[in-house]
Amino acid sequence: MALFKKVPSDGHKGKVSYNAGIVSGIVSLAVSEVEGVELLPGKKKALKLYFEKDGIYADISVKVDYGYTVPEVAFKIQQTVKHNVEAMTEYKVAKVDVYVVGVEFSEEHAAEQN
């Protein structure tokens, strides 16, 4: 398990350490805030985070609910993830790639099709 440290640059002594699971939880929470989308089952398949010198790179795999515009939902995920991670930690988000792997049809819509 990786442990990432952030040393304050403002002269204060001490450090803040973030476990990769904490950042992963923040990303999961951010995705759950977006309407019309859900992460793939199994966090390891749905989220891949890479911690680099220039920031965090995130690969997020989701399913979009039928009736939502895919580009709008993907953009909203990118915005929300970037905002939440940067607001809750001192890390910068370098890139968020969203992979839409399917469309989730509701039971009501499936009944209308029959």
N, C-alpha and C. Protein backbone atom coordinates (compact mmCIF):
# COMPACT_ATOMS: atom_id res chain seq x y z
N MET A 1 0.84 -1.17 0.00
CA MET A 1 0.00 0.00 0.00
C MET A 1 0.89 1.24 0.00
N ALA A 2 0.62 2.15 -0.86
CA ALA A 2 1.43 3.36 -0.99
C ALA A 2 0.99 4.41 0.01
N LEU A 3 1.94 5.19 0.46
CA LEU A 3 1.68 6.29 1.36
C LEU A 3 2.33 7.52 0.76
N PHE A 4 1.56 8.55 0.51
CA PHE A 4 2.06 9.75 -0.16
C PHE A 4 2.13 10.88 0.85
N LYS A 5 3.26 11.56 0.89
CA LYS A 5 3.48 12.60 1.88
C LYS A 5 3.46 13.97 1.22
N LYS A 6 2.95 14.92 1.93
CA LYS A 6 2.92 16.30 1.48
C LYS A 6 3.52 17.14 2.60
N VAL A 7 4.62 17.79 2.34
CA VAL A 7 5.30 18.63 3.33
C VAL A 7 4.91 20.07 3.05
N PRO A 8 4.33 20.76 4.04
CA PRO A 8 3.93 22.15 3.83
C PRO A 8 5.11 23.02 3.44
N SER A 9 4.92 23.89 2.47
CA SER A 9 5.99 24.77 1.99
C SER A 9 5.95 26.14 2.65
N ASP A 10 4.99 26.36 3.55
CA ASP A 10 4.85 27.68 4.15
C ASP A 10 5.65 27.85 5.44
N GLY A 11 6.62 26.95 5.69
CA GLY A 11 7.47 27.09 6.86
C GLY A 11 6.98 26.37 8.10
N HIS A 12 5.76 25.87 8.10
CA HIS A 12 5.26 25.13 9.24
C HIS A 12 5.93 23.76 9.32
N LYS A 13 6.15 23.31 10.52
CA LYS A 13 6.76 22.01 10.70
C LYS A 13 5.67 20.95 10.71
N GLY A 14 6.04 19.76 10.29
CA GLY A 14 5.09 18.67 10.24
C GLY A 14 4.82 18.27 8.81
N LYS A 15 4.05 17.23 8.67
CA LYS A 15 3.71 16.75 7.34
C LYS A 15 2.33 16.12 7.36
N VAL A 16 1.74 16.03 6.20
CA VAL A 16 0.45 15.38 6.03
C VAL A 16 0.66 14.21 5.10
N SER A 17 0.20 13.03 5.51
CA SER A 17 0.36 11.83 4.69
C SER A 17 -1.01 11.36 4.22
N TYR A 18 -1.10 11.02 2.94
CA TYR A 18 -2.34 10.52 2.36
C TYR A 18 -2.10 9.10 1.87
N ASN A 19 -2.93 8.21 2.28
CA ASN A 19 -2.91 6.85 1.77
C ASN A 19 -3.60 6.89 0.41
N ALA A 20 -3.18 6.06 -0.52
CA ALA A 20 -3.81 6.03 -1.85
C ALA A 20 -5.30 5.73 -1.73
N GLY A 21 -5.69 4.96 -0.73
CA GLY A 21 -7.11 4.64 -0.52
C GLY A 21 -7.94 5.86 -0.18
N ILE A 22 -7.34 6.82 0.50
CA ILE A 22 -8.05 8.06 0.85
C ILE A 22 -8.38 8.83 -0.43
N VAL A 23 -7.40 8.99 -1.28
CA VAL A 23 -7.62 9.71 -2.54
C VAL A 23 -8.62 8.96 -3.41
N SER A 24 -8.52 7.64 -3.43
CA SER A 24 -9.47 6.82 -4.18
C SER A 24 -10.89 7.01 -3.65
N GLY A 25 -11.04 7.09 -2.34
CA GLY A 25 -12.35 7.34 -1.75
C GLY A 25 -12.91 8.70 -2.12
N ILE A 26 -12.05 9.70 -2.17
CA ILE A 26 -12.48 11.05 -2.57
C ILE A 26 -12.96 11.03 -4.02
N VAL A 27 -12.24 10.32 -4.88
CA VAL A 27 -12.64 10.22 -6.29
C VAL A 27 -13.97 9.49 -6.42
N SER A 28 -14.14 8.40 -5.69
CA SER A 28 -15.41 7.64 -5.72
C SER A 28 -16.56 8.51 -5.28
N LEU A 29 -16.36 9.26 -4.22
CA LEU A 29 -17.39 10.17 -3.72
C LEU A 29 -17.73 11.23 -4.76
N ALA A 30 -16.72 11.77 -5.42
CA ALA A 30 -16.95 12.79 -6.44
C ALA A 30 -17.78 12.24 -7.59
N VAL A 31 -17.49 11.02 -8.02
CA VAL A 31 -18.25 10.42 -9.12
C VAL A 31 -19.69 10.17 -8.69
N SER A 32 -19.89 9.75 -7.44
CA SER A 32 -21.25 9.47 -6.97
C SER A 32 -22.10 10.75 -6.89
N GLU A 33 -21.46 11.91 -6.82
CA GLU A 33 -22.19 13.18 -6.79
C GLU A 33 -22.75 13.57 -8.15
N VAL A 34 -22.23 12.97 -9.21
CA VAL A 34 -22.68 13.32 -10.56
C VAL A 34 -23.94 12.51 -10.88
N GLU A 35 -24.95 13.20 -11.32
CA GLU A 35 -26.23 12.56 -11.64
C GLU A 35 -26.15 11.80 -12.96
N GLY A 36 -26.73 10.60 -12.99
CA GLY A 36 -26.82 9.84 -14.23
C GLY A 36 -25.63 8.97 -14.53
N VAL A 37 -24.83 8.67 -13.51
CA VAL A 37 -23.62 7.87 -13.74
C VAL A 37 -23.35 6.98 -12.54
N GLU A 38 -22.72 5.83 -12.78
CA GLU A 38 -22.28 4.99 -11.69
C GLU A 38 -20.96 4.32 -12.06
N LEU A 39 -20.12 4.15 -11.05
CA LEU A 39 -18.85 3.46 -11.25
C LEU A 39 -19.10 2.00 -11.57
N LEU A 40 -18.19 1.40 -12.29
CA LEU A 40 -18.28 -0.04 -12.51
C LEU A 40 -18.14 -0.75 -11.17
N PRO A 41 -18.76 -1.92 -11.02
CA PRO A 41 -18.59 -2.66 -9.77
C PRO A 41 -17.13 -3.05 -9.58
N GLY A 42 -16.68 -3.02 -8.38
CA GLY A 42 -15.29 -3.34 -8.09
C GLY A 42 -14.41 -2.12 -8.28
N LYS A 43 -14.00 -1.52 -7.19
CA LYS A 43 -13.25 -0.26 -7.25
C LYS A 43 -11.95 -0.40 -8.04
N LYS A 44 -11.32 -1.57 -8.00
CA LYS A 44 -10.05 -1.74 -8.71
C LYS A 44 -10.22 -1.65 -10.21
N LYS A 45 -11.35 -2.11 -10.73
CA LYS A 45 -11.61 -2.01 -12.17
C LYS A 45 -12.03 -0.59 -12.55
N ALA A 46 -12.76 0.07 -11.65
CA ALA A 46 -13.36 1.36 -11.98
C ALA A 46 -12.39 2.53 -11.85
N LEU A 47 -11.46 2.46 -10.91
CA LEU A 47 -10.56 3.58 -10.65
C LEU A 47 -9.11 3.14 -10.74
N LYS A 48 -8.34 3.91 -11.47
CA LYS A 48 -6.89 3.72 -11.49
C LYS A 48 -6.28 5.09 -11.30
N LEU A 49 -5.50 5.22 -10.23
CA LEU A 49 -4.86 6.49 -9.92
C LEU A 49 -3.36 6.34 -10.03
N TYR A 50 -2.73 7.35 -10.63
CA TYR A 50 -1.29 7.39 -10.79
C TYR A 50 -0.79 8.69 -10.18
N PHE A 51 0.13 8.57 -9.23
CA PHE A 51 0.68 9.74 -8.55
C PHE A 51 2.02 10.08 -9.19
N GLU A 52 2.07 11.20 -9.88
CA GLU A 52 3.28 11.65 -10.57
C GLU A 52 3.71 13.00 -9.99
N LYS A 53 4.88 13.47 -10.38
CA LYS A 53 5.38 14.74 -9.86
C LYS A 53 4.49 15.92 -10.23
N ASP A 54 3.89 15.87 -11.42
CA ASP A 54 3.06 16.99 -11.87
C ASP A 54 1.60 16.87 -11.45
N GLY A 55 1.24 15.84 -10.71
CA GLY A 55 -0.11 15.71 -10.21
C GLY A 55 -0.64 14.29 -10.31
N ILE A 56 -1.90 14.15 -10.02
CA ILE A 56 -2.57 12.85 -10.05
C ILE A 56 -3.22 12.65 -11.41
N TYR A 57 -3.01 11.47 -11.97
CA TYR A 57 -3.67 11.07 -13.20
C TYR A 57 -4.71 10.02 -12.82
N ALA A 58 -5.94 10.20 -13.28
CA ALA A 58 -7.02 9.29 -12.92
C ALA A 58 -7.67 8.71 -14.17
N ASP A 59 -7.86 7.39 -14.16
CA ASP A 59 -8.64 6.70 -15.17
C ASP A 59 -9.89 6.19 -14.47
N ILE A 60 -11.06 6.61 -14.95
CA ILE A 60 -12.33 6.27 -14.30
C ILE A 60 -13.24 5.61 -15.32
N SER A 61 -13.72 4.41 -14.99
CA SER A 61 -14.63 3.67 -15.86
C SER A 61 -16.03 3.69 -15.26
N VAL A 62 -17.01 4.11 -16.08
CA VAL A 62 -18.38 4.30 -15.58
C VAL A 62 -19.41 3.75 -16.58
N LYS A 63 -20.63 3.63 -16.07
CA LYS A 63 -21.80 3.39 -16.90
C LYS A 63 -22.68 4.62 -16.78
N VAL A 64 -23.25 5.04 -17.89
CA VAL A 64 -24.11 6.23 -17.92
C VAL A 64 -25.56 5.76 -18.03
N ASP A 65 -26.44 6.38 -17.27
CA ASP A 65 -27.86 6.06 -17.34
C ASP A 65 -28.43 6.53 -18.68
N TYR A 66 -29.36 5.74 -19.20
CA TYR A 66 -30.02 6.08 -20.46
C TYR A 66 -30.69 7.45 -20.34
N GLY A 67 -30.55 8.27 -21.36
CA GLY A 67 -31.19 9.57 -21.39
C GLY A 67 -30.25 10.72 -21.06
N TYR A 68 -29.07 10.42 -20.54
CA TYR A 68 -28.09 11.47 -20.24
C TYR A 68 -27.12 11.62 -21.40
N THR A 69 -26.66 12.83 -21.62
CA THR A 69 -25.70 13.09 -22.69
C THR A 69 -24.31 12.72 -22.21
N VAL A 70 -23.69 11.77 -22.90
CA VAL A 70 -22.41 11.22 -22.47
C VAL A 70 -21.32 12.28 -22.34
N PRO A 71 -21.11 13.16 -23.33
CA PRO A 71 -20.05 14.16 -23.17
C PRO A 71 -20.28 15.10 -21.97
N GLU A 72 -21.52 15.46 -21.71
CA GLU A 72 -21.81 16.33 -20.58
C GLU A 72 -21.53 15.63 -19.25
N VAL A 73 -21.93 14.36 -19.15
CA VAL A 73 -21.70 13.60 -17.92
C VAL A 73 -20.20 13.41 -17.69
N ALA A 74 -19.46 13.07 -18.74
CA ALA A 74 -18.02 12.86 -18.62
C ALA A 74 -17.32 14.15 -18.19
N PHE A 75 -17.71 15.28 -18.76
CA PHE A 75 -17.12 16.56 -18.40
C PHE A 75 -17.43 16.90 -16.94
N LYS A 76 -18.66 16.62 -16.51
CA LYS A 76 -19.05 16.89 -15.12
C LYS A 76 -18.24 16.03 -14.16
N ILE A 77 -17.96 14.77 -14.53
CA ILE A 77 -17.12 13.90 -13.71
C ILE A 77 -15.72 14.50 -13.58
N GLN A 78 -15.16 14.95 -14.70
CA GLN A 78 -13.82 15.54 -14.68
C GLN A 78 -13.77 16.76 -13.76
N GLN A 79 -14.77 17.63 -13.88
CA GLN A 79 -14.81 18.83 -13.05
C GLN A 79 -14.93 18.49 -11.57
N THR A 80 -15.83 17.58 -11.25
CA THR A 80 -16.10 17.24 -9.86
C THR A 80 -14.91 16.55 -9.21
N VAL A 81 -14.29 15.62 -9.93
CA VAL A 81 -13.12 14.93 -9.40
C VAL A 81 -11.99 15.92 -9.14
N LYS A 82 -11.71 16.77 -10.10
CA LYS A 82 -10.63 17.76 -9.95
C LYS A 82 -10.91 18.67 -8.76
N HIS A 83 -12.11 19.18 -8.66
CA HIS A 83 -12.47 20.09 -7.57
C HIS A 83 -12.36 19.41 -6.22
N ASN A 84 -12.94 18.21 -6.07
CA ASN A 84 -12.96 17.54 -4.78
C ASN A 84 -11.56 17.14 -4.31
N VAL A 85 -10.77 16.57 -5.20
CA VAL A 85 -9.42 16.15 -4.81
C VAL A 85 -8.58 17.36 -4.42
N GLU A 86 -8.64 18.41 -5.20
CA GLU A 86 -7.82 19.59 -4.91
C GLU A 86 -8.32 20.34 -3.68
N ALA A 87 -9.63 20.26 -3.38
CA ALA A 87 -10.18 20.94 -2.20
C ALA A 87 -9.89 20.15 -0.92
N MET A 88 -9.88 18.83 -1.00
CA MET A 88 -9.73 18.01 0.19
C MET A 88 -8.28 17.61 0.47
N THR A 89 -7.41 17.74 -0.52
CA THR A 89 -5.99 17.43 -0.34
C THR A 89 -5.20 18.59 -0.92
N GLU A 90 -3.90 18.51 -0.80
CA GLU A 90 -3.06 19.55 -1.40
C GLU A 90 -2.50 19.09 -2.75
N TYR A 91 -3.00 17.98 -3.26
CA TYR A 91 -2.55 17.48 -4.55
C TYR A 91 -3.22 18.24 -5.69
N LYS A 92 -2.55 18.29 -6.80
CA LYS A 92 -3.11 18.83 -8.03
C LYS A 92 -3.53 17.65 -8.90
N VAL A 93 -4.59 17.82 -9.64
CA VAL A 93 -5.05 16.79 -10.57
C VAL A 93 -4.55 17.19 -11.95
N ALA A 94 -3.70 16.36 -12.52
CA ALA A 94 -3.11 16.66 -13.82
C ALA A 94 -4.05 16.26 -14.95
N LYS A 95 -4.74 15.12 -14.79
CA LYS A 95 -5.56 14.63 -15.89
C LYS A 95 -6.60 13.65 -15.36
N VAL A 96 -7.82 13.74 -15.89
CA VAL A 96 -8.89 12.80 -15.55
C VAL A 96 -9.43 12.24 -16.86
N ASP A 97 -9.21 10.96 -17.10
CA ASP A 97 -9.76 10.29 -18.27
C ASP A 97 -10.98 9.50 -17.84
N VAL A 98 -12.09 9.71 -18.54
CA VAL A 98 -13.34 9.02 -18.23
C VAL A 98 -13.64 8.05 -19.37
N TYR A 99 -13.82 6.78 -19.01
CA TYR A 99 -14.15 5.74 -19.97
C TYR A 99 -15.58 5.30 -19.73
N VAL A 100 -16.44 5.57 -20.70
CA VAL A 100 -17.84 5.14 -20.60
C VAL A 100 -17.91 3.76 -21.25
N VAL A 101 -18.16 2.75 -20.43
CA VAL A 101 -18.11 1.38 -20.91
C VAL A 101 -19.50 0.79 -21.16
N GLY A 102 -20.54 1.57 -20.87
CA GLY A 102 -21.87 1.06 -21.11
C GLY A 102 -22.94 2.07 -20.77
N VAL A 103 -24.15 1.73 -21.18
CA VAL A 103 -25.33 2.54 -20.87
C VAL A 103 -26.26 1.68 -20.03
N GLU A 104 -26.71 2.23 -18.93
CA GLU A 104 -27.59 1.52 -18.00
C GLU A 104 -29.04 1.88 -18.33
N PHE A 105 -29.82 0.88 -18.72
CA PHE A 105 -31.23 1.11 -19.02
C PHE A 105 -32.06 0.82 -17.78
N SER A 106 -32.99 1.70 -17.46
CA SER A 106 -33.85 1.47 -16.32
C SER A 106 -34.90 0.43 -16.67
N GLU A 107 -35.52 -0.15 -15.66
CA GLU A 107 -36.56 -1.16 -15.89
C GLU A 107 -37.76 -0.55 -16.61
N GLU A 108 -38.08 0.72 -16.31
CA GLU A 108 -39.20 1.39 -16.97
C GLU A 108 -38.96 1.51 -18.47
N HIS A 109 -37.73 1.87 -18.84
CA HIS A 109 -37.42 2.04 -20.25
C HIS A 109 -37.44 0.67 -20.96
N ALA A 110 -36.96 -0.36 -20.30
CA ALA A 110 -36.97 -1.70 -20.89
C ALA A 110 -38.41 -2.17 -21.12
N ALA A 111 -39.33 -1.84 -20.21
CA ALA A 111 -40.72 -2.23 -20.34
C ALA A 111 -41.37 -1.49 -21.51
N GLU A 112 -40.98 -0.23 -21.73
CA GLU A 112 -41.54 0.55 -22.83
C GLU A 112 -41.10 -0.02 -24.18
N GLN A 113 -39.91 -0.59 -24.25
CA GLN A 113 -39.37 -1.12 -25.50
C GLN A 113 -40.11 -2.39 -25.92
N ASN A 114 -40.66 -3.14 -24.95
CA ASN A 114 -41.32 -4.41 -25.27
C ASN A 114 -42.71 -4.23 -25.77
